[in-house]
Amino acid sequence: MFHRVAVTLATAGAATLLGLATAAQPAQAAPGAPQPVFYTGADLTGAQTVVDTDDTSCHNLGEAALSAVNWSDVDVYAYYNADCQSGLPGQSGDTYFVLGSLHSARFAAPVLSYRVVRNG
């Protein structure tokens, strides 16, 4: 009887710990190396666009992003205009958002394009 209860408690405890560990992990769009991810909704919700950290060219997003997470070792410059043009939405200027390595963001305005910038 003791052995059966101990095994049951150990199994339940392991399942609880596994559930807690799974719940504590940030949402990852793709397995493998951590990658930056843009989300169409606020607070990391909605459709995802996974960023290729090896491609440093400018990319227009298929859908505007309202939030993002970056667990990689690169920075991502996010622009409120298409074609990585700085400025507030629909305006020229020097405004853009730097999504630093190991950060998340909720954007003040929809992001339309981005560029990966390697550190160092």
N, C-alpha and C. Protein backbone atom coordinates (compact mmCIF):
# COMPACT_ATOMS: atom_id res chain seq x y z
N MET A 1 0.82 -1.18 0.00
CA MET A 1 0.00 0.00 0.00
C MET A 1 0.87 1.26 0.00
N PHE A 2 1.89 1.30 0.87
CA PHE A 2 2.77 2.46 0.95
C PHE A 2 3.45 2.71 -0.40
N HIS A 3 3.92 1.65 -1.04
CA HIS A 3 4.62 1.79 -2.31
C HIS A 3 3.69 2.38 -3.37
N ARG A 4 2.45 1.94 -3.45
CA ARG A 4 1.50 2.42 -4.44
C ARG A 4 1.17 3.90 -4.19
N VAL A 5 1.00 4.30 -2.94
CA VAL A 5 0.71 5.70 -2.60
C VAL A 5 1.91 6.59 -2.95
N ALA A 6 3.12 6.12 -2.63
CA ALA A 6 4.33 6.90 -2.92
C ALA A 6 4.49 7.11 -4.42
N VAL A 7 4.24 6.06 -5.21
CA VAL A 7 4.36 6.17 -6.67
C VAL A 7 3.30 7.13 -7.20
N THR A 8 2.08 7.04 -6.68
CA THR A 8 1.00 7.94 -7.11
C THR A 8 1.35 9.38 -6.78
N LEU A 9 1.83 9.63 -5.56
CA LEU A 9 2.21 10.99 -5.18
C LEU A 9 3.38 11.50 -6.00
N ALA A 10 4.34 10.66 -6.25
CA ALA A 10 5.50 11.07 -7.05
C ALA A 10 5.07 11.40 -8.48
N THR A 11 4.18 10.59 -9.04
CA THR A 11 3.69 10.85 -10.40
C THR A 11 2.90 12.15 -10.45
N ALA A 12 2.03 12.36 -9.48
CA ALA A 12 1.25 13.60 -9.42
C ALA A 12 2.16 14.81 -9.24
N GLY A 13 3.17 14.67 -8.39
CA GLY A 13 4.12 15.78 -8.18
C GLY A 13 4.90 16.09 -9.43
N ALA A 14 5.34 15.06 -10.14
CA ALA A 14 6.09 15.29 -11.39
C ALA A 14 5.21 15.95 -12.43
N ALA A 15 3.95 15.53 -12.52
CA ALA A 15 3.03 16.14 -13.48
C ALA A 15 2.78 17.60 -13.14
N THR A 16 2.66 17.90 -11.85
CA THR A 16 2.46 19.29 -11.42
C THR A 16 3.67 20.14 -11.75
N LEU A 17 4.86 19.63 -11.47
CA LEU A 17 6.08 20.37 -11.78
C LEU A 17 6.23 20.57 -13.28
N LEU A 18 5.91 19.54 -14.06
CA LEU A 18 5.99 19.66 -15.51
C LEU A 18 5.02 20.73 -15.99
N GLY A 19 3.81 20.74 -15.44
CA GLY A 19 2.83 21.76 -15.80
C GLY A 19 3.29 23.15 -15.45
N LEU A 20 3.90 23.31 -14.28
CA LEU A 20 4.43 24.63 -13.88
C LEU A 20 5.58 25.05 -14.77
N ALA A 21 6.46 24.13 -15.10
CA ALA A 21 7.59 24.46 -15.96
C ALA A 21 7.11 24.84 -17.34
N THR A 22 6.10 24.14 -17.86
CA THR A 22 5.56 24.46 -19.17
C THR A 22 4.88 25.82 -19.15
N ALA A 23 4.13 26.11 -18.10
CA ALA A 23 3.41 27.39 -18.02
C ALA A 23 4.38 28.56 -17.88
N ALA A 24 5.54 28.34 -17.29
CA ALA A 24 6.49 29.43 -17.06
C ALA A 24 7.30 29.78 -18.30
N GLN A 25 7.27 28.95 -19.32
CA GLN A 25 8.07 29.18 -20.51
C GLN A 25 7.40 30.20 -21.42
N PRO A 26 8.16 31.10 -22.05
CA PRO A 26 7.57 32.03 -23.00
C PRO A 26 7.13 31.27 -24.25
N ALA A 27 6.16 31.81 -24.95
CA ALA A 27 5.68 31.17 -26.17
C ALA A 27 6.78 31.22 -27.23
N GLN A 28 7.10 30.09 -27.79
CA GLN A 28 8.10 30.01 -28.84
C GLN A 28 7.40 29.64 -30.14
N ALA A 29 7.62 30.38 -31.20
CA ALA A 29 6.96 30.12 -32.46
C ALA A 29 7.60 28.96 -33.19
N ALA A 30 8.88 28.72 -32.98
CA ALA A 30 9.57 27.66 -33.69
C ALA A 30 10.56 27.00 -32.74
N PRO A 31 10.74 25.68 -32.89
CA PRO A 31 11.72 25.00 -32.04
C PRO A 31 13.14 25.37 -32.44
N GLY A 32 14.09 25.09 -31.58
CA GLY A 32 15.49 25.37 -31.89
C GLY A 32 15.95 26.65 -31.23
N ALA A 33 16.81 27.36 -31.93
CA ALA A 33 17.38 28.59 -31.39
C ALA A 33 16.30 29.64 -31.17
N PRO A 34 16.41 30.41 -30.09
CA PRO A 34 15.42 31.48 -29.84
C PRO A 34 15.43 32.49 -30.98
N GLN A 35 14.24 32.93 -31.36
CA GLN A 35 14.10 33.88 -32.45
C GLN A 35 13.15 35.00 -32.04
N PRO A 36 13.35 36.20 -32.58
CA PRO A 36 12.38 37.25 -32.35
C PRO A 36 11.06 36.90 -33.05
N VAL A 37 9.96 37.32 -32.45
CA VAL A 37 8.64 37.05 -33.02
C VAL A 37 7.78 38.30 -32.88
N PHE A 38 7.16 38.72 -34.00
CA PHE A 38 6.18 39.80 -33.99
C PHE A 38 4.78 39.19 -33.88
N TYR A 39 3.88 39.89 -33.19
CA TYR A 39 2.50 39.44 -33.00
C TYR A 39 1.53 40.51 -33.49
N THR A 40 0.45 40.11 -34.13
CA THR A 40 -0.53 41.07 -34.62
C THR A 40 -1.36 41.68 -33.51
N GLY A 41 -1.44 41.02 -32.37
CA GLY A 41 -2.21 41.53 -31.23
C GLY A 41 -1.31 42.08 -30.15
N ALA A 42 -1.92 42.82 -29.24
CA ALA A 42 -1.19 43.34 -28.09
C ALA A 42 -0.85 42.20 -27.13
N ASP A 43 0.15 42.38 -26.35
CA ASP A 43 0.53 41.43 -25.30
C ASP A 43 0.86 40.04 -25.83
N LEU A 44 1.57 39.99 -26.96
CA LEU A 44 2.05 38.74 -27.55
C LEU A 44 0.92 37.79 -27.90
N THR A 45 -0.12 38.32 -28.54
CA THR A 45 -1.25 37.52 -28.98
C THR A 45 -1.44 37.71 -30.48
N GLY A 46 -2.24 36.86 -31.07
CA GLY A 46 -2.56 36.97 -32.49
C GLY A 46 -1.58 36.20 -33.36
N ALA A 47 -1.65 36.47 -34.65
CA ALA A 47 -0.79 35.80 -35.63
C ALA A 47 0.67 36.18 -35.39
N GLN A 48 1.55 35.23 -35.68
CA GLN A 48 2.98 35.43 -35.43
C GLN A 48 3.76 35.56 -36.73
N THR A 49 4.80 36.37 -36.68
CA THR A 49 5.80 36.43 -37.74
C THR A 49 7.15 36.18 -37.08
N VAL A 50 7.78 35.06 -37.42
CA VAL A 50 9.08 34.71 -36.85
C VAL A 50 10.17 35.37 -37.68
N VAL A 51 11.13 35.97 -37.01
CA VAL A 51 12.22 36.70 -37.65
C VAL A 51 13.42 35.79 -37.86
N ASP A 52 13.96 35.79 -39.06
CA ASP A 52 15.20 35.07 -39.36
C ASP A 52 16.36 35.96 -38.93
N THR A 53 17.07 35.58 -37.89
CA THR A 53 18.14 36.43 -37.34
C THR A 53 19.38 36.48 -38.23
N ASP A 54 19.45 35.64 -39.24
CA ASP A 54 20.59 35.67 -40.17
C ASP A 54 20.38 36.65 -41.31
N ASP A 55 19.16 37.12 -41.50
CA ASP A 55 18.83 38.01 -42.61
C ASP A 55 18.72 39.44 -42.09
N THR A 56 19.68 40.29 -42.45
CA THR A 56 19.71 41.66 -41.95
C THR A 56 19.09 42.67 -42.92
N SER A 57 18.43 42.20 -43.96
CA SER A 57 17.78 43.11 -44.89
C SER A 57 16.45 43.59 -44.31
N CYS A 58 15.88 44.61 -44.92
CA CYS A 58 14.60 45.15 -44.48
C CYS A 58 13.47 44.22 -44.90
N HIS A 59 12.51 44.05 -44.00
CA HIS A 59 11.34 43.20 -44.28
C HIS A 59 10.06 43.96 -43.94
N ASN A 60 9.10 43.94 -44.84
CA ASN A 60 7.77 44.45 -44.55
C ASN A 60 6.95 43.30 -43.97
N LEU A 61 6.22 43.57 -42.91
CA LEU A 61 5.37 42.56 -42.29
C LEU A 61 4.10 42.36 -43.13
N GLY A 62 3.63 41.13 -43.23
CA GLY A 62 2.39 40.86 -43.93
C GLY A 62 1.20 41.50 -43.25
N GLU A 63 1.22 41.53 -41.91
CA GLU A 63 0.21 42.20 -41.10
C GLU A 63 0.93 43.06 -40.07
N ALA A 64 0.37 44.20 -39.76
CA ALA A 64 0.97 45.10 -38.77
C ALA A 64 1.10 44.39 -37.42
N ALA A 65 2.18 44.67 -36.71
CA ALA A 65 2.44 44.07 -35.40
C ALA A 65 2.16 45.08 -34.30
N LEU A 66 1.53 44.59 -33.22
CA LEU A 66 1.27 45.43 -32.06
C LEU A 66 2.15 45.06 -30.87
N SER A 67 2.85 43.91 -30.97
CA SER A 67 3.75 43.50 -29.89
C SER A 67 4.79 42.55 -30.45
N ALA A 68 5.83 42.29 -29.65
CA ALA A 68 6.91 41.40 -30.09
C ALA A 68 7.69 40.91 -28.89
N VAL A 69 8.44 39.83 -29.10
CA VAL A 69 9.35 39.31 -28.09
C VAL A 69 10.65 38.96 -28.80
N ASN A 70 11.76 39.14 -28.10
CA ASN A 70 13.07 38.87 -28.70
C ASN A 70 13.94 38.15 -27.68
N TRP A 71 14.02 36.83 -27.76
CA TRP A 71 14.87 36.05 -26.87
C TRP A 71 16.19 35.69 -27.54
N SER A 72 16.52 36.34 -28.63
CA SER A 72 17.75 36.04 -29.37
C SER A 72 18.90 36.95 -28.92
N ASP A 73 20.03 36.82 -29.61
CA ASP A 73 21.20 37.63 -29.29
C ASP A 73 21.39 38.80 -30.26
N VAL A 74 20.34 39.17 -31.00
CA VAL A 74 20.40 40.30 -31.93
C VAL A 74 19.38 41.35 -31.48
N ASP A 75 19.53 42.56 -32.00
CA ASP A 75 18.51 43.58 -31.83
C ASP A 75 17.65 43.60 -33.09
N VAL A 76 16.42 44.03 -32.95
CA VAL A 76 15.52 44.17 -34.10
C VAL A 76 15.02 45.61 -34.10
N TYR A 77 15.27 46.31 -35.21
CA TYR A 77 14.78 47.67 -35.35
C TYR A 77 13.40 47.56 -35.99
N ALA A 78 12.38 48.07 -35.32
CA ALA A 78 11.00 48.00 -35.78
C ALA A 78 10.56 49.40 -36.23
N TYR A 79 9.93 49.46 -37.40
CA TYR A 79 9.55 50.73 -38.00
C TYR A 79 8.03 50.84 -38.13
N TYR A 80 7.52 52.04 -37.93
CA TYR A 80 6.09 52.30 -38.02
C TYR A 80 5.64 52.55 -39.45
N ASN A 81 6.58 52.53 -40.39
CA ASN A 81 6.30 52.71 -41.81
C ASN A 81 6.88 51.54 -42.59
N ALA A 82 6.38 51.32 -43.79
CA ALA A 82 6.90 50.26 -44.65
C ALA A 82 8.32 50.58 -45.09
N ASP A 83 9.01 49.56 -45.57
CA ASP A 83 10.35 49.68 -46.15
C ASP A 83 11.39 50.25 -45.18
N CYS A 84 11.20 50.02 -43.89
CA CYS A 84 12.15 50.44 -42.85
C CYS A 84 12.41 51.94 -42.87
N GLN A 85 11.38 52.70 -43.20
CA GLN A 85 11.48 54.16 -43.18
C GLN A 85 11.15 54.63 -41.77
N SER A 86 12.08 55.38 -41.19
CA SER A 86 11.86 55.89 -39.83
C SER A 86 10.81 56.99 -39.84
N GLY A 87 10.28 57.27 -38.68
CA GLY A 87 9.26 58.29 -38.52
C GLY A 87 8.01 57.71 -37.90
N LEU A 88 7.16 58.58 -37.42
CA LEU A 88 5.86 58.15 -36.90
C LEU A 88 5.00 57.66 -38.06
N PRO A 89 3.94 56.94 -37.79
CA PRO A 89 3.12 56.39 -38.89
C PRO A 89 2.73 57.44 -39.92
N GLY A 90 3.08 57.16 -41.18
CA GLY A 90 2.73 58.06 -42.27
C GLY A 90 3.53 59.34 -42.33
N GLN A 91 4.57 59.46 -41.51
CA GLN A 91 5.38 60.68 -41.47
C GLN A 91 6.85 60.32 -41.59
N SER A 92 7.64 61.28 -42.05
CA SER A 92 9.09 61.08 -42.04
C SER A 92 9.63 61.57 -40.70
N GLY A 93 10.83 61.17 -40.38
CA GLY A 93 11.45 61.57 -39.12
C GLY A 93 12.46 60.53 -38.71
N ASP A 94 12.90 60.60 -37.47
CA ASP A 94 13.93 59.67 -37.01
C ASP A 94 13.41 58.65 -35.99
N THR A 95 12.10 58.50 -35.88
CA THR A 95 11.51 57.60 -34.89
C THR A 95 11.45 56.16 -35.39
N TYR A 96 11.93 55.25 -34.56
CA TYR A 96 11.76 53.81 -34.76
C TYR A 96 11.93 53.16 -33.39
N PHE A 97 11.68 51.87 -33.30
CA PHE A 97 11.71 51.18 -32.02
C PHE A 97 12.81 50.13 -32.04
N VAL A 98 13.67 50.12 -31.04
CA VAL A 98 14.71 49.11 -30.93
C VAL A 98 14.23 48.03 -29.95
N LEU A 99 13.97 46.84 -30.49
CA LEU A 99 13.60 45.70 -29.67
C LEU A 99 14.90 44.97 -29.34
N GLY A 100 15.43 45.26 -28.17
CA GLY A 100 16.71 44.72 -27.76
C GLY A 100 16.66 43.23 -27.47
N SER A 101 17.83 42.65 -27.46
CA SER A 101 17.98 41.24 -27.12
C SER A 101 17.39 40.99 -25.73
N LEU A 102 16.65 39.91 -25.59
CA LEU A 102 16.04 39.48 -24.33
C LEU A 102 15.00 40.47 -23.80
N HIS A 103 14.22 41.05 -24.71
CA HIS A 103 13.17 41.99 -24.34
C HIS A 103 11.86 41.65 -25.06
N SER A 104 10.79 42.20 -24.53
CA SER A 104 9.50 42.14 -25.21
C SER A 104 8.97 43.57 -25.30
N ALA A 105 7.97 43.78 -26.16
CA ALA A 105 7.46 45.14 -26.35
C ALA A 105 5.99 45.11 -26.74
N ARG A 106 5.32 46.16 -26.33
CA ARG A 106 3.98 46.47 -26.82
C ARG A 106 4.13 47.83 -27.50
N PHE A 107 3.91 47.87 -28.80
CA PHE A 107 4.22 49.07 -29.58
C PHE A 107 3.15 50.15 -29.41
N ALA A 108 3.58 51.41 -29.45
CA ALA A 108 2.68 52.55 -29.33
C ALA A 108 1.82 52.72 -30.58
N ALA A 109 2.31 52.25 -31.71
CA ALA A 109 1.59 52.28 -32.98
C ALA A 109 1.93 51.00 -33.72
N PRO A 110 1.14 50.60 -34.69
CA PRO A 110 1.43 49.37 -35.43
C PRO A 110 2.78 49.44 -36.16
N VAL A 111 3.54 48.37 -36.03
CA VAL A 111 4.83 48.25 -36.72
C VAL A 111 4.59 47.59 -38.07
N LEU A 112 5.18 48.18 -39.13
CA LEU A 112 4.97 47.68 -40.48
C LEU A 112 6.18 47.01 -41.10
N SER A 113 7.38 47.29 -40.57
CA SER A 113 8.59 46.70 -41.15
C SER A 113 9.67 46.57 -40.07
N TYR A 114 10.71 45.81 -40.39
CA TYR A 114 11.79 45.59 -39.41
C TYR A 114 13.09 45.21 -40.11
N ARG A 115 14.16 45.32 -39.33
CA ARG A 115 15.52 44.95 -39.77
C ARG A 115 16.25 44.36 -38.58
N VAL A 116 16.97 43.27 -38.79
CA VAL A 116 17.81 42.65 -37.76
C VAL A 116 19.15 43.38 -37.72
N VAL A 117 19.61 43.69 -36.52
CA VAL A 117 20.90 44.36 -36.35
C VAL A 117 21.74 43.53 -35.40
N ARG A 118 22.89 43.07 -35.87
CA ARG A 118 23.80 42.24 -35.05
C ARG A 118 24.57 43.12 -34.10
N ASN A 119 24.75 42.65 -32.89
CA ASN A 119 25.53 43.35 -31.88
C ASN A 119 26.98 42.91 -31.95
N GLY A 120 27.86 43.87 -32.09
CA GLY A 120 29.29 43.58 -32.05
C GLY A 120 29.78 42.95 -33.24
